[in-house]
Amino acid sequence: MQQIHTAKQEALDAIQRLPDSVDTEEIMYRLHVLENIRRGQQDSAEGKTQSAEEVLKDIRSW
């Protein structure tokens, strides 16, 4: 049976892997990173990406 990972379950799993001495700021940072990874994966799956060449071209225009 395939396990479906909800955002809540992924957050709980990430928190469980942290040491007991972790502070709230570190927990929030880890959850922020996790959310950004999830968004990037979703964008990639939807084809909302740019090639490295496109990104470099944009950077040069700054």
N, C-alpha and C. Protein backbone atom coordinates (compact mmCIF):
# COMPACT_ATOMS: atom_id res chain seq x y z
N MET A 1 0.84 -1.18 0.00
CA MET A 1 0.00 0.00 0.00
C MET A 1 0.89 1.24 0.00
N GLN A 2 0.62 2.18 -0.89
CA GLN A 2 1.40 3.40 -0.98
C GLN A 2 0.93 4.39 0.08
N GLN A 3 1.88 4.96 0.81
CA GLN A 3 1.56 5.92 1.84
C GLN A 3 1.52 7.31 1.24
N ILE A 4 0.44 8.03 1.46
CA ILE A 4 0.31 9.39 0.97
C ILE A 4 0.83 10.33 2.06
N HIS A 5 1.76 11.20 1.67
CA HIS A 5 2.34 12.14 2.62
C HIS A 5 1.62 13.48 2.53
N THR A 6 0.93 13.84 3.58
CA THR A 6 0.29 15.15 3.65
C THR A 6 1.31 16.15 4.16
N ALA A 7 1.02 17.42 3.98
CA ALA A 7 1.91 18.46 4.48
C ALA A 7 2.07 18.32 6.00
N LYS A 8 0.98 17.99 6.67
CA LYS A 8 1.03 17.83 8.13
C LYS A 8 1.95 16.67 8.51
N GLN A 9 1.82 15.55 7.83
CA GLN A 9 2.64 14.39 8.15
C GLN A 9 4.11 14.66 7.86
N GLU A 10 4.39 15.33 6.75
CA GLU A 10 5.77 15.67 6.43
C GLU A 10 6.37 16.59 7.49
N ALA A 11 5.57 17.55 7.98
CA ALA A 11 6.05 18.46 9.02
C ALA A 11 6.33 17.69 10.31
N LEU A 12 5.42 16.81 10.68
CA LEU A 12 5.61 16.01 11.89
C LEU A 12 6.84 15.13 11.78
N ASP A 13 7.04 14.51 10.62
CA ASP A 13 8.22 13.67 10.40
C ASP A 13 9.51 14.49 10.53
N ALA A 14 9.51 15.69 9.94
CA ALA A 14 10.70 16.55 10.00
C ALA A 14 10.99 16.96 11.44
N ILE A 15 9.96 17.28 12.19
CA ILE A 15 10.15 17.67 13.59
C ILE A 15 10.64 16.50 14.42
N GLN A 16 10.12 15.32 14.16
CA GLN A 16 10.54 14.12 14.90
C GLN A 16 12.03 13.83 14.72
N ARG A 17 12.58 14.17 13.56
CA ARG A 17 14.00 13.90 13.29
C ARG A 17 14.94 14.88 14.00
N LEU A 18 14.39 15.97 14.50
CA LEU A 18 15.21 16.98 15.18
C LEU A 18 15.53 16.55 16.61
N PRO A 19 16.65 17.01 17.14
CA PRO A 19 16.99 16.66 18.53
C PRO A 19 16.02 17.34 19.51
N ASP A 20 15.89 16.78 20.69
CA ASP A 20 14.99 17.34 21.70
C ASP A 20 15.39 18.75 22.12
N SER A 21 16.64 19.10 21.95
CA SER A 21 17.13 20.42 22.38
C SER A 21 16.86 21.53 21.36
N VAL A 22 16.22 21.22 20.25
CA VAL A 22 15.99 22.20 19.19
C VAL A 22 15.10 23.33 19.69
N ASP A 23 15.36 24.55 19.22
CA ASP A 23 14.51 25.67 19.61
C ASP A 23 13.45 25.95 18.54
N THR A 24 12.50 26.77 18.90
CA THR A 24 11.37 27.06 18.01
C THR A 24 11.83 27.69 16.69
N GLU A 25 12.84 28.54 16.76
CA GLU A 25 13.34 29.20 15.55
C GLU A 25 13.86 28.16 14.54
N GLU A 26 14.59 27.17 15.01
CA GLU A 26 15.11 26.12 14.13
C GLU A 26 13.97 25.28 13.55
N ILE A 27 12.96 25.00 14.36
CA ILE A 27 11.81 24.24 13.87
C ILE A 27 11.13 25.01 12.75
N MET A 28 10.92 26.30 12.95
CA MET A 28 10.25 27.12 11.94
C MET A 28 11.09 27.19 10.66
N TYR A 29 12.41 27.31 10.82
CA TYR A 29 13.29 27.34 9.65
C TYR A 29 13.18 26.04 8.86
N ARG A 30 13.22 24.91 9.55
CA ARG A 30 13.14 23.61 8.88
C ARG A 30 11.81 23.46 8.14
N LEU A 31 10.72 23.89 8.76
CA LEU A 31 9.42 23.81 8.11
C LEU A 31 9.35 24.73 6.89
N HIS A 32 9.99 25.89 6.99
CA HIS A 32 10.05 26.83 5.86
C HIS A 32 10.79 26.19 4.68
N VAL A 33 11.92 25.58 4.97
CA VAL A 33 12.70 24.91 3.92
C VAL A 33 11.89 23.77 3.30
N LEU A 34 11.25 22.98 4.13
CA LEU A 34 10.43 21.87 3.66
C LEU A 34 9.33 22.36 2.72
N GLU A 35 8.68 23.45 3.07
CA GLU A 35 7.61 24.01 2.23
C GLU A 35 8.16 24.50 0.90
N ASN A 36 9.33 25.13 0.92
CA ASN A 36 9.91 25.61 -0.33
C ASN A 36 10.31 24.44 -1.24
N ILE A 37 10.78 23.36 -0.67
CA ILE A 37 11.10 22.17 -1.46
C ILE A 37 9.82 21.62 -2.08
N ARG A 38 8.75 21.54 -1.28
CA ARG A 38 7.47 21.02 -1.78
C ARG A 38 6.96 21.88 -2.94
N ARG A 39 7.05 23.19 -2.80
CA ARG A 39 6.60 24.09 -3.87
C ARG A 39 7.45 23.91 -5.13
N GLY A 40 8.75 23.76 -4.96
CA GLY A 40 9.62 23.54 -6.10
C GLY A 40 9.31 22.24 -6.82
N GLN A 41 9.03 21.19 -6.07
CA GLN A 41 8.65 19.92 -6.68
C GLN A 41 7.34 20.04 -7.43
N GLN A 42 6.40 20.77 -6.85
CA GLN A 42 5.10 20.97 -7.51
C GLN A 42 5.28 21.78 -8.79
N ASP A 43 6.06 22.84 -8.73
CA ASP A 43 6.33 23.64 -9.93
C ASP A 43 6.98 22.80 -11.02
N SER A 44 7.94 21.98 -10.64
CA SER A 44 8.62 21.12 -11.60
C SER A 44 7.63 20.14 -12.24
N ALA A 45 6.78 19.55 -11.43
CA ALA A 45 5.79 18.59 -11.95
C ALA A 45 4.82 19.27 -12.91
N GLU A 46 4.57 20.56 -12.71
CA GLU A 46 3.64 21.30 -13.56
C GLU A 46 4.36 21.98 -14.73
N GLY A 47 5.67 21.75 -14.85
CA GLY A 47 6.43 22.34 -15.95
C GLY A 47 6.72 23.81 -15.77
N LYS A 48 6.60 24.32 -14.57
CA LYS A 48 6.86 25.73 -14.30
C LYS A 48 8.32 25.92 -13.90
N THR A 49 9.21 25.69 -14.84
CA THR A 49 10.63 25.81 -14.57
C THR A 49 11.31 26.62 -15.66
N GLN A 50 12.54 27.03 -15.39
CA GLN A 50 13.37 27.71 -16.37
C GLN A 50 14.67 26.94 -16.50
N SER A 51 15.22 26.98 -17.68
CA SER A 51 16.53 26.34 -17.87
C SER A 51 17.60 27.21 -17.22
N ALA A 52 18.76 26.62 -16.99
CA ALA A 52 19.88 27.36 -16.42
C ALA A 52 20.26 28.53 -17.33
N GLU A 53 20.18 28.31 -18.63
CA GLU A 53 20.50 29.37 -19.58
C GLU A 53 19.55 30.56 -19.43
N GLU A 54 18.26 30.29 -19.24
CA GLU A 54 17.28 31.36 -19.06
C GLU A 54 17.54 32.14 -17.78
N VAL A 55 17.89 31.44 -16.73
CA VAL A 55 18.18 32.10 -15.46
C VAL A 55 19.42 32.97 -15.59
N LEU A 56 20.46 32.45 -16.21
CA LEU A 56 21.68 33.25 -16.40
C LEU A 56 21.41 34.48 -17.25
N LYS A 57 20.60 34.35 -18.26
CA LYS A 57 20.24 35.49 -19.11
C LYS A 57 19.52 36.54 -18.28
N ASP A 58 18.58 36.12 -17.43
CA ASP A 58 17.87 37.05 -16.56
C ASP A 58 18.83 37.75 -15.61
N ILE A 59 19.76 37.01 -15.03
CA ILE A 59 20.72 37.59 -14.09
C ILE A 59 21.58 38.64 -14.76
N ARG A 60 22.00 38.34 -15.97
CA ARG A 60 22.86 39.30 -16.70
C ARG A 60 22.11 40.60 -17.00
N SER A 61 20.78 40.53 -17.10
CA SER A 61 20.01 41.74 -17.43
C SER A 61 19.78 42.63 -16.22
N TRP A 62 20.14 42.18 -15.04
CA TRP A 62 19.95 42.99 -13.83
C TRP A 62 20.94 44.09 -13.88
